Every structure is written in structure tokens, then in C-alpha cells.
Amino acid sequence: MRMTEKIAYIKGLAEGLELDNSKNEVKIINQILELLDQMAAEVEELQDCYDDAVDVVDAINDDLSDLEEYVYDIEDDDDDSCGDCCSCDDCDDDEENPLYEITCPQCDSKFTSDEDSIVTGEVECPECGAVLEFDFSDLEEDHHHDGCCCGCGADEHYGEDDLMS
């Protein structure tokens, strides 16, 4: 039962008692009942406003989550749309082992490979099966100092331009 319904019930009980409205005690009781009725109506109005505000905040929260996903490229853990083995752009943000796009000189197909595979010196083209070899001897001679030349603190980095096939 809502507050306004409870107040209406109490008012009905008071009217059923057939109290003498000329007595001061009855006047006070009637004024208290009127005040309770107004307060119940205002509380219900505030509750409705609160419910509307909660709906708006929930909608804003959903929109903000969508915006964060778009801006920060956050992927849901539940979304396994591309699996573990793919070459889509969405999966190339692994900072520890970046992906590089390689064009096969045999069949001109483009594919991606991670840095660990390239550093081994050989990568197999998934289209034609040609083995692409990479020579890093010139890079190793040029980088005989401690750390990467970009100042990131890593041992060394091999950029896409540094790869030879």
C-alpha cells in the first residue's frame, strides 16, 4: 500500500468515528491528517523524480561505457569474436609483442606476424608456404649500446622498416 493510500485509509477511519469537529482536539487531528496527506503526495512525487533520475543516470552510464570502449579501444572479455589466431587490426595492440604486416615477395599476399616469430629469422607465408628469411646482423652491429635507441629501456626493438626479406 502506498503512503497516500494509507493516509486516505486513516482519514476514512477518522471520519467513521464521527468526531465532533468543533472540539480543538479533533481540529488538530484533522490538520495532522491533512499535513500527512500533503507530505505523502510530495514523497511520492520525489520518488517519481528519483526513479526518472536513476533512469537518466543509467542511460548516461551506458553511453559513457560505449564512449570509453570507442575512445580507449576497450574490448569486453566476453567478446571472443576474433579468437586467438587472427590478423585483424583489433588484435594488434599487444605492446609486449607487436604485430607487423609482411608482404610475401613470392605471392604478394599480406599477412601479419609477431615480433618473436620475425626475430627467429624465418616466417612462413600462410598463402604460398614460402619461407621468408630476415637478416638482423646489420642491426645488431649498429646497436651495441645498452637499451633501445628510442629510450624506452627495452633491450632492442626492430621496427617494420628494419626488417629485410
C-alpha atoms as a PDB file:
ATOM      1  CA  MET A   1       0.000   0.000   0.000  1.00  0.00           C
ATOM      2  CA  ARG A   2       1.373   3.422  -0.962  1.00  0.00           C
ATOM      3  CA  MET A   3       1.691   6.243   1.552  1.00  0.00           C
ATOM      4  CA  THR A   4      -1.168   8.243   0.021  1.00  0.00           C
ATOM      5  CA  GLU A   5      -3.404   5.172   0.215  1.00  0.00           C
ATOM      6  CA  LYS A   6      -2.504   4.652   3.880  1.00  0.00           C
ATOM      7  CA  ILE A   7      -3.274   8.289   4.705  1.00  0.00           C
ATOM      8  CA  ALA A   8      -6.604   8.046   2.867  1.00  0.00           C
ATOM      9  CA  TYR A   9      -7.417   4.916   4.908  1.00  0.00           C
ATOM     10  CA  ILE A  10      -6.610   6.699   8.199  1.00  0.00           C
ATOM     11  CA  LYS A  11      -8.743   9.697   7.145  1.00  0.00           C
ATOM     12  CA  GLY A  12     -11.607   7.320   6.431  1.00  0.00           C
ATOM     13  CA  LEU A  13     -11.246   5.773   9.880  1.00  0.00           C
ATOM     14  CA  ALA A  14     -11.282   9.225  11.482  1.00  0.00           C
ATOM     15  CA  GLU A  15     -14.445  10.188   9.567  1.00  0.00           C
ATOM     16  CA  GLY A  16     -16.051   6.900  10.626  1.00  0.00           C
ATOM     17  CA  LEU A  17     -15.566   7.844  14.277  1.00  0.00           C
ATOM     18  CA  GLU A  18     -17.919  10.801  13.748  1.00  0.00           C
ATOM     19  CA  LEU A  19     -15.794  13.066  15.910  1.00  0.00           C
ATOM     20  CA  ASP A  20     -17.095  16.496  16.843  1.00  0.00           C
ATOM     21  CA  ASN A  21     -15.292  18.932  14.531  1.00  0.00           C
ATOM     22  CA  SER A  22     -15.893  21.803  16.924  1.00  0.00           C
ATOM     23  CA  LYS A  23     -13.534  20.372  19.537  1.00  0.00           C
ATOM     24  CA  ASN A  24      -9.900  21.568  19.476  1.00  0.00           C
ATOM     25  CA  GLU A  25      -8.502  18.031  19.688  1.00  0.00           C
ATOM     26  CA  VAL A  26     -10.395  16.969  16.577  1.00  0.00           C
ATOM     27  CA  LYS A  27      -9.267  20.110  14.702  1.00  0.00           C
ATOM     28  CA  ILE A  28      -5.634  19.236  15.499  1.00  0.00           C
ATOM     29  CA  ILE A  29      -6.114  15.616  14.390  1.00  0.00           C
ATOM     30  CA  ASN A  30      -7.703  16.782  11.106  1.00  0.00           C
ATOM     31  CA  GLN A  31      -4.818  19.222  10.473  1.00  0.00           C
ATOM     32  CA  ILE A  32      -2.280  16.472  11.190  1.00  0.00           C
ATOM     33  CA  LEU A  33      -4.081  14.181   8.728  1.00  0.00           C
ATOM     34  CA  GLU A  34      -4.081  16.925   6.056  1.00  0.00           C
ATOM     35  CA  LEU A  35      -0.350  17.516   6.653  1.00  0.00           C
ATOM     36  CA  LEU A  36       0.370  13.789   6.388  1.00  0.00           C
ATOM     37  CA  ASP A  37      -1.636  13.664   3.137  1.00  0.00           C
ATOM     38  CA  GLN A  38       0.408  16.525   1.634  1.00  0.00           C
ATOM     39  CA  MET A  39       3.668  15.008   2.815  1.00  0.00           C
ATOM     40  CA  ALA A  40       2.770  11.615   1.331  1.00  0.00           C
ATOM     41  CA  ALA A  41       1.921  13.237  -2.016  1.00  0.00           C
ATOM     42  CA  GLU A  42       5.243  15.116  -2.049  1.00  0.00           C
ATOM     43  CA  VAL A  43       7.207  11.993  -1.088  1.00  0.00           C
ATOM     44  CA  GLU A  44       5.589  10.080  -3.957  1.00  0.00           C
ATOM     45  CA  GLU A  45       6.409  12.949  -6.344  1.00  0.00           C
ATOM     46  CA  LEU A  46      10.024  12.902  -5.137  1.00  0.00           C
ATOM     47  CA  GLN A  47      10.122   9.123  -5.584  1.00  0.00           C
ATOM     48  CA  ASP A  48       8.920   9.530  -9.180  1.00  0.00           C
ATOM     49  CA  CYS A  49      11.601  12.183  -9.808  1.00  0.00           C
ATOM     50  CA  TYR A  50      14.197   9.910  -8.227  1.00  0.00           C
ATOM     51  CA  ASP A  51      13.144   6.994 -10.455  1.00  0.00           C
ATOM     52  CA  ASP A  52      13.388   9.254 -13.534  1.00  0.00           C
ATOM     53  CA  ALA A  53      16.840  10.476 -12.438  1.00  0.00           C
ATOM     54  CA  VAL A  54      18.039   6.887 -11.945  1.00  0.00           C
ATOM     55  CA  ASP A  55      16.875   6.031 -15.474  1.00  0.00           C
ATOM     56  CA  VAL A  56      18.739   9.043 -16.896  1.00  0.00           C
ATOM     57  CA  VAL A  57      21.923   8.214 -14.929  1.00  0.00           C
ATOM     58  CA  ASP A  58      21.760   4.602 -16.127  1.00  0.00           C
ATOM     59  CA  ALA A  59      21.421   5.788 -19.741  1.00  0.00           C
ATOM     60  CA  ILE A  60      24.352   8.207 -19.292  1.00  0.00           C
ATOM     61  CA  ASN A  61      26.428   5.416 -17.733  1.00  0.00           C
ATOM     62  CA  ASP A  62      25.687   3.122 -20.681  1.00  0.00           C
ATOM     63  CA  ASP A  63      26.596   5.886 -23.151  1.00  0.00           C
ATOM     64  CA  LEU A  64      29.800   6.645 -21.231  1.00  0.00           C
ATOM     65  CA  SER A  65      30.767   2.973 -21.278  1.00  0.00           C
ATOM     66  CA  ASP A  66      30.223   2.868 -25.040  1.00  0.00           C
ATOM     67  CA  LEU A  67      32.280   6.038 -25.451  1.00  0.00           C
ATOM     68  CA  GLU A  68      35.118   4.654 -23.280  1.00  0.00           C
ATOM     69  CA  GLU A  69      35.178   1.478 -25.348  1.00  0.00           C
ATOM     70  CA  TYR A  70      35.372   3.540 -28.536  1.00  0.00           C
ATOM     71  CA  VAL A  71      37.964   6.061 -27.303  1.00  0.00           C
ATOM     72  CA  TYR A  72      40.185   3.681 -25.346  1.00  0.00           C
ATOM     73  CA  ASP A  73      39.554   0.681 -27.623  1.00  0.00           C
ATOM     74  CA  ILE A  74      38.492  -1.463 -24.661  1.00  0.00           C
ATOM     75  CA  GLU A  75      37.214  -4.893 -25.587  1.00  0.00           C
ATOM     76  CA  ASP A  76      34.745  -6.858 -23.474  1.00  0.00           C
ATOM     77  CA  ASP A  77      36.210 -10.038 -22.018  1.00  0.00           C
ATOM     78  CA  ASP A  78      33.005 -11.816 -23.054  1.00  0.00           C
ATOM     79  CA  ASP A  79      33.509 -10.906 -26.729  1.00  0.00           C
ATOM     80  CA  ASP A  80      35.632 -13.591 -28.370  1.00  0.00           C
ATOM     81  CA  SER A  81      34.614 -12.673 -31.897  1.00  0.00           C
ATOM     82  CA  CYS A  82      38.069 -12.992 -33.414  1.00  0.00           C
ATOM     83  CA  GLY A  83      39.587 -15.840 -31.412  1.00  0.00           C
ATOM     84  CA  ASP A  84      43.226 -16.444 -30.567  1.00  0.00           C
ATOM     85  CA  CYS A  85      44.648 -16.735 -34.073  1.00  0.00           C
ATOM     86  CA  CYS A  86      43.723 -13.867 -36.345  1.00  0.00           C
ATOM     87  CA  SER A  87      45.252 -10.986 -38.207  1.00  0.00           C
ATOM     88  CA  CYS A  88      42.609  -8.328 -37.595  1.00  0.00           C
ATOM     89  CA  ASP A  89      43.590  -4.787 -36.611  1.00  0.00           C
ATOM     90  CA  ASP A  90      41.729  -5.119 -33.301  1.00  0.00           C
ATOM     91  CA  CYS A  91      44.273  -7.619 -32.029  1.00  0.00           C
ATOM     92  CA  ASP A  92      47.386  -5.687 -32.875  1.00  0.00           C
ATOM     93  CA  ASP A  93      47.550  -3.677 -29.681  1.00  0.00           C
ATOM     94  CA  ASP A  94      49.705  -6.119 -27.722  1.00  0.00           C
ATOM     95  CA  GLU A  95      52.503  -3.809 -26.585  1.00  0.00           C
ATOM     96  CA  GLU A  96      54.796  -6.606 -25.426  1.00  0.00           C
ATOM     97  CA  ASN A  97      54.757  -8.442 -28.757  1.00  0.00           C
ATOM     98  CA  PRO A  98      53.550  -6.157 -31.565  1.00  0.00           C
ATOM     99  CA  LEU A  99      52.356  -7.475 -34.898  1.00  0.00           C
ATOM    100  CA  TYR A 100      53.985  -6.488 -38.184  1.00  0.00           C
ATOM    101  CA  GLU A 101      52.441  -6.592 -41.623  1.00  0.00           C
ATOM    102  CA  ILE A 102      54.549  -8.531 -44.099  1.00  0.00           C
ATOM    103  CA  THR A 103      54.162  -8.748 -47.867  1.00  0.00           C
ATOM    104  CA  CYS A 104      55.317 -12.033 -49.343  1.00  0.00           C
ATOM    105  CA  PRO A 105      57.715 -11.425 -52.270  1.00  0.00           C
ATOM    106  CA  GLN A 106      56.575 -14.714 -53.880  1.00  0.00           C
ATOM    107  CA  CYS A 107      52.767 -14.261 -53.996  1.00  0.00           C
ATOM    108  CA  ASP A 108      52.325 -10.597 -52.911  1.00  0.00           C
ATOM    109  CA  SER A 109      49.876 -11.603 -50.182  1.00  0.00           C
ATOM    110  CA  LYS A 110      49.900  -9.572 -46.978  1.00  0.00           C
ATOM    111  CA  PHE A 111      49.856 -11.198 -43.554  1.00  0.00           C
ATOM    112  CA  THR A 112      50.867 -10.316 -40.020  1.00  0.00           C
ATOM    113  CA  SER A 113      53.470 -11.872 -37.782  1.00  0.00           C
ATOM    114  CA  ASP A 114      54.515 -11.137 -34.238  1.00  0.00           C
ATOM    115  CA  GLU A 115      57.926  -9.800 -33.353  1.00  0.00           C
ATOM    116  CA  ASP A 116      59.035 -13.027 -31.661  1.00  0.00           C
ATOM    117  CA  SER A 117      58.457 -15.017 -34.860  1.00  0.00           C
ATOM    118  CA  ILE A 118      60.284 -12.465 -37.007  1.00  0.00           C
ATOM    119  CA  VAL A 119      63.291 -12.259 -34.661  1.00  0.00           C
ATOM    120  CA  THR A 120      63.838 -16.003 -35.071  1.00  0.00           C
ATOM    121  CA  GLY A 121      64.854 -15.127 -38.634  1.00  0.00           C
ATOM    122  CA  GLU A 122      62.207 -17.063 -40.575  1.00  0.00           C
ATOM    123  CA  VAL A 123      58.469 -16.705 -41.185  1.00  0.00           C
ATOM    124  CA  GLU A 124      56.383 -18.908 -43.440  1.00  0.00           C
ATOM    125  CA  CYS A 125      53.846 -17.280 -45.776  1.00  0.00           C
ATOM    126  CA  PRO A 126      50.395 -18.672 -44.947  1.00  0.00           C
ATOM    127  CA  GLU A 127      49.280 -18.359 -48.611  1.00  0.00           C
ATOM    128  CA  CYS A 128      52.035 -19.933 -50.655  1.00  0.00           C
ATOM    129  CA  GLY A 129      54.198 -21.555 -47.963  1.00  0.00           C
ATOM    130  CA  ALA A 130      57.345 -19.642 -48.951  1.00  0.00           C
ATOM    131  CA  VAL A 131      59.840 -19.253 -46.133  1.00  0.00           C
ATOM    132  CA  LEU A 132      60.800 -15.606 -45.669  1.00  0.00           C
ATOM    133  CA  GLU A 133      64.151 -15.012 -44.050  1.00  0.00           C
ATOM    134  CA  PHE A 134      65.140 -11.933 -42.084  1.00  0.00           C
ATOM    135  CA  ASP A 135      68.711 -10.834 -41.523  1.00  0.00           C
ATOM    136  CA  PHE A 136      69.306  -8.725 -38.413  1.00  0.00           C
ATOM    137  CA  SER A 137      73.118  -8.827 -38.442  1.00  0.00           C
ATOM    138  CA  ASP A 138      73.383  -5.194 -39.606  1.00  0.00           C
ATOM    139  CA  LEU A 139      71.017  -4.094 -36.846  1.00  0.00           C
ATOM    140  CA  GLU A 140      72.903  -5.939 -34.141  1.00  0.00           C
ATOM    141  CA  GLU A 141      76.180  -4.279 -35.177  1.00  0.00           C
ATOM    142  CA  ASP A 142      74.554  -0.807 -35.112  1.00  0.00           C
ATOM    143  CA  HIS A 143      73.023  -1.311 -31.649  1.00  0.00           C
ATOM    144  CA  HIS A 144      75.986  -2.290 -29.432  1.00  0.00           C
ATOM    145  CA  HIS A 145      74.855   0.080 -26.683  1.00  0.00           C
ATOM    146  CA  ASP A 146      72.682  -0.637 -23.664  1.00  0.00           C
ATOM    147  CA  GLY A 147      68.972  -0.436 -24.348  1.00  0.00           C
ATOM    148  CA  CYS A 148      66.887   0.577 -27.292  1.00  0.00           C
ATOM    149  CA  CYS A 149      67.751   3.652 -29.337  1.00  0.00           C
ATOM    150  CA  CYS A 150      64.280   5.111 -28.707  1.00  0.00           C
ATOM    151  CA  GLY A 151      64.959   5.423 -24.967  1.00  0.00           C
ATOM    152  CA  CYS A 152      62.160   3.099 -23.846  1.00  0.00           C
ATOM    153  CA  GLY A 153      64.501   0.950 -21.759  1.00  0.00           C
ATOM    154  CA  ALA A 154      63.967  -2.282 -23.714  1.00  0.00           C
ATOM    155  CA  ASP A 155      66.957  -4.321 -24.846  1.00  0.00           C
ATOM    156  CA  GLU A 156      66.276  -3.604 -28.534  1.00  0.00           C
ATOM    157  CA  HIS A 157      63.352  -3.036 -30.893  1.00  0.00           C
ATOM    158  CA  TYR A 158      63.154  -3.980 -34.521  1.00  0.00           C
ATOM    159  CA  GLY A 159      60.880  -1.687 -36.484  1.00  0.00           C
ATOM    160  CA  GLU A 160      58.992  -2.679 -39.608  1.00  0.00           C
ATOM    161  CA  ASP A 161      61.458  -0.636 -41.708  1.00  0.00           C
ATOM    162  CA  ASP A 162      64.391  -2.576 -40.190  1.00  0.00           C
ATOM    163  CA  LEU A 163      63.101  -5.956 -41.418  1.00  0.00           C
ATOM    164  CA  MET A 164      64.621  -7.426 -44.565  1.00  0.00           C
ATOM    165  CA  SER A 165      63.190 -10.314 -46.552  1.00  0.00           C
END
